Amino acid sequence: MGGVDLTDNMLHFYAMSRTQLKKYYRKIFLHFLDITVLNSYILYKKLGGRKSRLNFVIDLAEKLIEKYGRDKNCNAGRRKRCVVCREKGKRKESIYWCESCKTGLCAAPCFGLYHS
């Protein structure tokens, strides 16, 4: 039981899984991710690493975002206000926008209304 308690204690401080998650499979996935990050940190320390655990986790997250993060020029990352909804007095933001005229538009009704 000593190893299990020690692992639970170490996971507690920088845990990604929270008790408020509604979907059980997300909590299980995040717990496995916590254990994977902790095991990689333990191996890093055994091989002579000198970073603290917090700096190790931050560097790991930055490297993963750098490698697998979304392209900064991607249209889906930015939100713009829908022009048609704004004329109707509604405040609605959309991730979709017309590439040629650079205006934000809702996908279903507004895109067709604006370009017809």
N, C-alpha and C. Protein backbone atom coordinates (compact mmCIF):
# COMPACT_ATOMS: atom_id res chain seq x y z
N MET A 1 0.81 -1.20 0.00
CA MET A 1 0.00 0.00 0.00
C MET A 1 0.85 1.27 0.00
N GLY A 2 2.10 1.17 0.38
CA GLY A 2 2.94 2.36 0.46
C GLY A 2 3.15 3.01 -0.90
N GLY A 3 3.35 2.19 -1.95
CA GLY A 3 3.55 2.74 -3.29
C GLY A 3 2.31 3.41 -3.84
N VAL A 4 1.15 2.80 -3.57
CA VAL A 4 -0.11 3.37 -4.05
C VAL A 4 -0.39 4.70 -3.37
N ASP A 5 -0.18 4.77 -2.07
CA ASP A 5 -0.41 6.02 -1.34
C ASP A 5 0.55 7.12 -1.79
N LEU A 6 1.80 6.75 -2.04
CA LEU A 6 2.77 7.73 -2.49
C LEU A 6 2.40 8.26 -3.88
N THR A 7 1.96 7.38 -4.76
CA THR A 7 1.54 7.80 -6.10
C THR A 7 0.33 8.70 -6.03
N ASP A 8 -0.66 8.33 -5.23
CA ASP A 8 -1.85 9.17 -5.07
C ASP A 8 -1.49 10.54 -4.50
N ASN A 9 -0.56 10.56 -3.58
CA ASN A 9 -0.11 11.82 -3.00
C ASN A 9 0.58 12.69 -4.06
N MET A 10 1.41 12.09 -4.88
CA MET A 10 2.11 12.85 -5.92
C MET A 10 1.16 13.31 -7.02
N LEU A 11 0.14 12.52 -7.32
CA LEU A 11 -0.83 12.90 -8.35
C LEU A 11 -1.73 14.03 -7.89
N HIS A 12 -1.92 14.16 -6.61
CA HIS A 12 -2.86 15.12 -6.07
C HIS A 12 -2.51 16.57 -6.41
N PHE A 13 -1.24 16.91 -6.42
CA PHE A 13 -0.83 18.31 -6.55
C PHE A 13 -1.01 18.86 -7.96
N TYR A 14 -0.78 18.07 -9.00
CA TYR A 14 -0.88 18.55 -10.37
C TYR A 14 -1.84 17.68 -11.17
N ALA A 15 -2.96 17.36 -10.60
CA ALA A 15 -3.92 16.46 -11.26
C ALA A 15 -4.70 17.20 -12.34
N MET A 16 -4.86 16.56 -13.50
CA MET A 16 -5.69 17.11 -14.56
C MET A 16 -7.14 16.66 -14.41
N SER A 17 -7.35 15.50 -13.80
CA SER A 17 -8.71 15.00 -13.61
C SER A 17 -9.31 15.65 -12.37
N ARG A 18 -10.52 16.08 -12.51
CA ARG A 18 -11.23 16.75 -11.42
C ARG A 18 -12.47 15.96 -11.07
N THR A 19 -13.01 16.21 -9.90
CA THR A 19 -14.19 15.48 -9.46
C THR A 19 -15.46 16.01 -10.12
N GLN A 20 -15.42 17.18 -10.73
CA GLN A 20 -16.61 17.78 -11.31
C GLN A 20 -16.94 17.24 -12.70
N LEU A 21 -16.12 16.40 -13.26
CA LEU A 21 -16.38 15.89 -14.60
C LEU A 21 -17.61 15.00 -14.61
N LYS A 22 -18.48 15.20 -15.60
CA LYS A 22 -19.72 14.44 -15.66
C LYS A 22 -19.55 13.12 -16.40
N LYS A 23 -18.66 13.08 -17.34
CA LYS A 23 -18.45 11.85 -18.12
C LYS A 23 -17.34 11.04 -17.47
N TYR A 24 -17.65 9.81 -17.14
CA TYR A 24 -16.68 8.97 -16.43
C TYR A 24 -15.47 8.64 -17.28
N TYR A 25 -15.67 8.50 -18.60
CA TYR A 25 -14.55 8.12 -19.46
C TYR A 25 -13.54 9.26 -19.59
N ARG A 26 -13.97 10.50 -19.47
CA ARG A 26 -13.01 11.61 -19.47
C ARG A 26 -12.15 11.58 -18.22
N LYS A 27 -12.79 11.30 -17.10
CA LYS A 27 -12.05 11.24 -15.84
C LYS A 27 -11.02 10.11 -15.87
N ILE A 28 -11.41 8.96 -16.43
CA ILE A 28 -10.49 7.83 -16.53
C ILE A 28 -9.33 8.18 -17.45
N PHE A 29 -9.64 8.79 -18.60
CA PHE A 29 -8.58 9.17 -19.54
C PHE A 29 -7.61 10.16 -18.90
N LEU A 30 -8.15 11.17 -18.22
CA LEU A 30 -7.27 12.17 -17.60
C LEU A 30 -6.45 11.57 -16.46
N HIS A 31 -7.01 10.59 -15.75
CA HIS A 31 -6.25 9.92 -14.69
C HIS A 31 -5.08 9.14 -15.30
N PHE A 32 -5.34 8.44 -16.40
CA PHE A 32 -4.25 7.72 -17.08
C PHE A 32 -3.19 8.70 -17.61
N LEU A 33 -3.64 9.85 -18.07
CA LEU A 33 -2.70 10.86 -18.53
C LEU A 33 -1.87 11.40 -17.37
N ASP A 34 -2.51 11.60 -16.21
CA ASP A 34 -1.77 12.02 -15.00
C ASP A 34 -0.70 11.00 -14.64
N ILE A 35 -1.06 9.74 -14.66
CA ILE A 35 -0.10 8.68 -14.30
C ILE A 35 1.04 8.63 -15.31
N THR A 36 0.73 8.82 -16.59
CA THR A 36 1.76 8.81 -17.62
C THR A 36 2.75 9.96 -17.43
N VAL A 37 2.24 11.14 -17.14
CA VAL A 37 3.11 12.30 -16.93
C VAL A 37 3.95 12.11 -15.67
N LEU A 38 3.36 11.56 -14.62
CA LEU A 38 4.11 11.31 -13.39
C LEU A 38 5.22 10.27 -13.63
N ASN A 39 4.90 9.20 -14.34
CA ASN A 39 5.92 8.18 -14.64
C ASN A 39 7.05 8.75 -15.49
N SER A 40 6.71 9.61 -16.45
CA SER A 40 7.76 10.20 -17.28
C SER A 40 8.64 11.15 -16.45
N TYR A 41 8.03 11.84 -15.49
CA TYR A 41 8.81 12.71 -14.61
C TYR A 41 9.75 11.89 -13.72
N ILE A 42 9.27 10.78 -13.21
CA ILE A 42 10.11 9.91 -12.37
C ILE A 42 11.29 9.38 -13.17
N LEU A 43 11.05 8.96 -14.42
CA LEU A 43 12.15 8.50 -15.27
C LEU A 43 13.12 9.64 -15.58
N TYR A 44 12.59 10.82 -15.80
CA TYR A 44 13.42 12.00 -16.06
C TYR A 44 14.35 12.27 -14.88
N LYS A 45 13.82 12.19 -13.66
CA LYS A 45 14.64 12.42 -12.47
C LYS A 45 15.69 11.33 -12.29
N LYS A 46 15.34 10.07 -12.60
CA LYS A 46 16.31 8.97 -12.46
C LYS A 46 17.45 9.09 -13.46
N LEU A 47 17.17 9.72 -14.60
CA LEU A 47 18.21 9.89 -15.61
C LEU A 47 19.02 11.17 -15.40
N GLY A 48 18.79 11.86 -14.30
CA GLY A 48 19.62 13.01 -13.94
C GLY A 48 19.00 14.36 -14.25
N GLY A 49 17.72 14.42 -14.47
CA GLY A 49 17.06 15.69 -14.75
C GLY A 49 17.04 16.58 -13.52
N ARG A 50 17.09 17.89 -13.74
CA ARG A 50 17.19 18.82 -12.62
C ARG A 50 15.97 19.74 -12.48
N LYS A 51 15.00 19.62 -13.36
CA LYS A 51 13.82 20.49 -13.29
C LYS A 51 12.89 20.05 -12.17
N SER A 52 12.14 21.02 -11.65
CA SER A 52 11.09 20.67 -10.69
C SER A 52 9.93 20.04 -11.47
N ARG A 53 9.02 19.44 -10.74
CA ARG A 53 7.90 18.77 -11.41
C ARG A 53 7.01 19.78 -12.14
N LEU A 54 6.79 20.93 -11.54
CA LEU A 54 5.97 21.95 -12.18
C LEU A 54 6.60 22.42 -13.48
N ASN A 55 7.88 22.71 -13.48
CA ASN A 55 8.55 23.14 -14.70
C ASN A 55 8.58 22.04 -15.74
N PHE A 56 8.71 20.78 -15.30
CA PHE A 56 8.67 19.66 -16.22
C PHE A 56 7.31 19.56 -16.90
N VAL A 57 6.24 19.70 -16.14
CA VAL A 57 4.88 19.60 -16.71
C VAL A 57 4.62 20.77 -17.65
N ILE A 58 5.06 21.97 -17.28
CA ILE A 58 4.87 23.13 -18.15
C ILE A 58 5.64 22.97 -19.45
N ASP A 59 6.90 22.52 -19.38
CA ASP A 59 7.69 22.30 -20.59
C ASP A 59 7.08 21.21 -21.47
N LEU A 60 6.58 20.16 -20.84
CA LEU A 60 5.93 19.09 -21.60
C LEU A 60 4.70 19.60 -22.33
N ALA A 61 3.89 20.40 -21.64
CA ALA A 61 2.69 20.96 -22.26
C ALA A 61 3.05 21.89 -23.41
N GLU A 62 4.07 22.71 -23.22
CA GLU A 62 4.48 23.63 -24.29
C GLU A 62 4.99 22.87 -25.51
N LYS A 63 5.75 21.81 -25.29
CA LYS A 63 6.26 21.01 -26.41
C LYS A 63 5.12 20.31 -27.15
N LEU A 64 4.15 19.79 -26.41
CA LEU A 64 3.01 19.13 -27.06
C LEU A 64 2.17 20.12 -27.85
N ILE A 65 1.96 21.31 -27.31
CA ILE A 65 1.21 22.33 -28.04
C ILE A 65 1.97 22.78 -29.28
N GLU A 66 3.29 22.91 -29.13
CA GLU A 66 4.11 23.32 -30.26
C GLU A 66 4.05 22.28 -31.39
N LYS A 67 4.07 21.02 -31.03
CA LYS A 67 4.09 19.97 -32.05
C LYS A 67 2.70 19.67 -32.60
N TYR A 68 1.69 19.56 -31.74
CA TYR A 68 0.38 19.12 -32.17
C TYR A 68 -0.69 20.21 -32.11
N GLY A 69 -0.30 21.42 -31.75
CA GLY A 69 -1.27 22.51 -31.64
C GLY A 69 -1.81 22.91 -33.00
N ARG A 70 -2.91 23.63 -32.96
CA ARG A 70 -3.56 24.09 -34.18
C ARG A 70 -2.75 25.20 -34.83
N ASP A 71 -2.81 25.26 -36.14
CA ASP A 71 -2.12 26.30 -36.89
C ASP A 71 -2.71 27.66 -36.53
N LYS A 72 -1.89 28.67 -36.33
CA LYS A 72 -2.38 29.98 -35.92
C LYS A 72 -3.16 30.68 -37.02
N ASN A 73 -2.95 30.32 -38.26
CA ASN A 73 -3.65 30.95 -39.37
C ASN A 73 -4.95 30.22 -39.72
N CYS A 74 -5.35 29.28 -38.93
CA CYS A 74 -6.55 28.50 -39.20
C CYS A 74 -7.80 29.35 -38.93
N ASN A 75 -8.79 29.27 -39.81
CA ASN A 75 -10.01 30.07 -39.66
C ASN A 75 -10.85 29.63 -38.48
N ALA A 76 -10.81 28.37 -38.11
CA ALA A 76 -11.68 27.86 -37.05
C ALA A 76 -11.28 28.35 -35.68
N GLY A 77 -10.08 28.84 -35.49
CA GLY A 77 -9.63 29.28 -34.18
C GLY A 77 -10.16 30.63 -33.76
N ARG A 78 -10.45 31.52 -34.71
CA ARG A 78 -10.88 32.87 -34.39
C ARG A 78 -12.39 32.99 -34.51
N ARG A 79 -12.96 33.80 -33.66
CA ARG A 79 -14.41 34.05 -33.71
C ARG A 79 -14.66 35.47 -34.17
N LYS A 80 -15.69 35.62 -34.98
CA LYS A 80 -16.11 36.94 -35.42
C LYS A 80 -17.61 37.07 -35.21
N ARG A 81 -18.05 38.30 -35.06
CA ARG A 81 -19.49 38.54 -34.92
C ARG A 81 -20.17 38.36 -36.27
N CYS A 82 -21.33 37.73 -36.26
CA CYS A 82 -22.10 37.50 -37.48
C CYS A 82 -22.69 38.83 -37.94
N VAL A 83 -22.47 39.17 -39.20
CA VAL A 83 -22.93 40.45 -39.74
C VAL A 83 -24.45 40.48 -39.84
N VAL A 84 -25.06 39.39 -40.29
CA VAL A 84 -26.51 39.33 -40.46
C VAL A 84 -27.20 39.40 -39.10
N CYS A 85 -26.72 38.67 -38.12
CA CYS A 85 -27.32 38.70 -36.78
C CYS A 85 -27.15 40.08 -36.13
N ARG A 86 -26.03 40.74 -36.39
CA ARG A 86 -25.79 42.06 -35.82
C ARG A 86 -26.80 43.08 -36.37
N GLU A 87 -27.15 42.95 -37.66
CA GLU A 87 -28.15 43.84 -38.25
C GLU A 87 -29.53 43.62 -37.63
N LYS A 88 -29.79 42.38 -37.17
CA LYS A 88 -31.07 42.07 -36.52
C LYS A 88 -31.06 42.43 -35.04
N GLY A 89 -29.96 42.93 -34.53
CA GLY A 89 -29.88 43.32 -33.13
C GLY A 89 -29.43 42.21 -32.19
N LYS A 90 -28.99 41.09 -32.74
CA LYS A 90 -28.51 39.96 -31.92
C LYS A 90 -26.99 39.99 -31.86
N ARG A 91 -26.46 39.57 -30.73
CA ARG A 91 -25.01 39.44 -30.60
C ARG A 91 -24.68 37.96 -30.67
N LYS A 92 -24.19 37.53 -31.81
CA LYS A 92 -23.88 36.13 -32.02
C LYS A 92 -22.51 36.03 -32.67
N GLU A 93 -21.63 35.24 -32.05
CA GLU A 93 -20.30 35.03 -32.60
C GLU A 93 -20.24 33.68 -33.28
N SER A 94 -19.44 33.61 -34.33
CA SER A 94 -19.35 32.38 -35.10
C SER A 94 -17.89 32.08 -35.41
N ILE A 95 -17.59 30.81 -35.52
CA ILE A 95 -16.23 30.41 -35.93
C ILE A 95 -16.12 30.38 -37.44
N TYR A 96 -17.24 30.51 -38.14
CA TYR A 96 -17.24 30.47 -39.60
C TYR A 96 -17.24 31.89 -40.15
N TRP A 97 -16.46 32.09 -41.20
CA TRP A 97 -16.45 33.38 -41.86
C TRP A 97 -16.02 33.19 -43.29
N CYS A 98 -16.48 34.12 -44.12
CA CYS A 98 -16.22 34.05 -45.55
C CYS A 98 -14.77 34.42 -45.82
N GLU A 99 -14.09 33.59 -46.56
CA GLU A 99 -12.67 33.81 -46.84
C GLU A 99 -12.46 35.00 -47.77
N SER A 100 -13.35 35.20 -48.72
CA SER A 100 -13.15 36.26 -49.71
C SER A 100 -13.48 37.65 -49.16
N CYS A 101 -14.59 37.79 -48.42
CA CYS A 101 -14.98 39.12 -47.94
C CYS A 101 -14.61 39.35 -46.47
N LYS A 102 -14.05 38.35 -45.79
CA LYS A 102 -13.56 38.47 -44.41
C LYS A 102 -14.62 38.92 -43.41
N THR A 103 -15.86 38.47 -43.60
CA THR A 103 -16.93 38.80 -42.67
C THR A 103 -17.37 37.56 -41.91
N GLY A 104 -17.66 37.72 -40.64
CA GLY A 104 -18.15 36.61 -39.83
C GLY A 104 -19.61 36.33 -40.13
N LEU A 105 -19.93 35.05 -40.30
CA LEU A 105 -21.30 34.65 -40.64
C LEU A 105 -21.63 33.34 -39.96
N CYS A 106 -22.88 33.20 -39.52
CA CYS A 106 -23.35 31.90 -39.02
C CYS A 106 -23.44 30.93 -40.19
N ALA A 107 -23.27 29.65 -39.93
CA ALA A 107 -23.19 28.67 -41.00
C ALA A 107 -24.52 28.47 -41.71
N ALA A 108 -25.57 28.17 -40.98
CA ALA A 108 -26.80 27.72 -41.63
C ALA A 108 -27.62 28.84 -42.27
N PRO A 109 -28.25 29.73 -41.53
CA PRO A 109 -29.14 30.66 -42.24
C PRO A 109 -28.42 31.89 -42.78
N CYS A 110 -27.46 32.41 -42.07
CA CYS A 110 -26.90 33.72 -42.38
C CYS A 110 -25.96 33.72 -43.59
N PHE A 111 -25.22 32.65 -43.79
CA PHE A 111 -24.27 32.62 -44.91
C PHE A 111 -25.02 32.73 -46.23
N GLY A 112 -26.10 31.97 -46.37
CA GLY A 112 -26.89 32.03 -47.59
C GLY A 112 -27.60 33.37 -47.76
N LEU A 113 -28.07 33.97 -46.67
CA LEU A 113 -28.76 35.25 -46.76
C LEU A 113 -27.80 36.38 -47.15
N TYR A 114 -26.61 36.35 -46.65
CA TYR A 114 -25.66 37.42 -46.89
C TYR A 114 -25.15 37.40 -48.34
N HIS A 115 -24.94 36.21 -48.88
CA HIS A 115 -24.35 36.08 -50.22
C HIS A 115 -25.39 35.91 -51.31
N SER A 116 -26.67 36.18 -51.04
CA SER A 116 -27.67 36.08 -52.12
C SER A 116 -28.25 37.44 -52.44
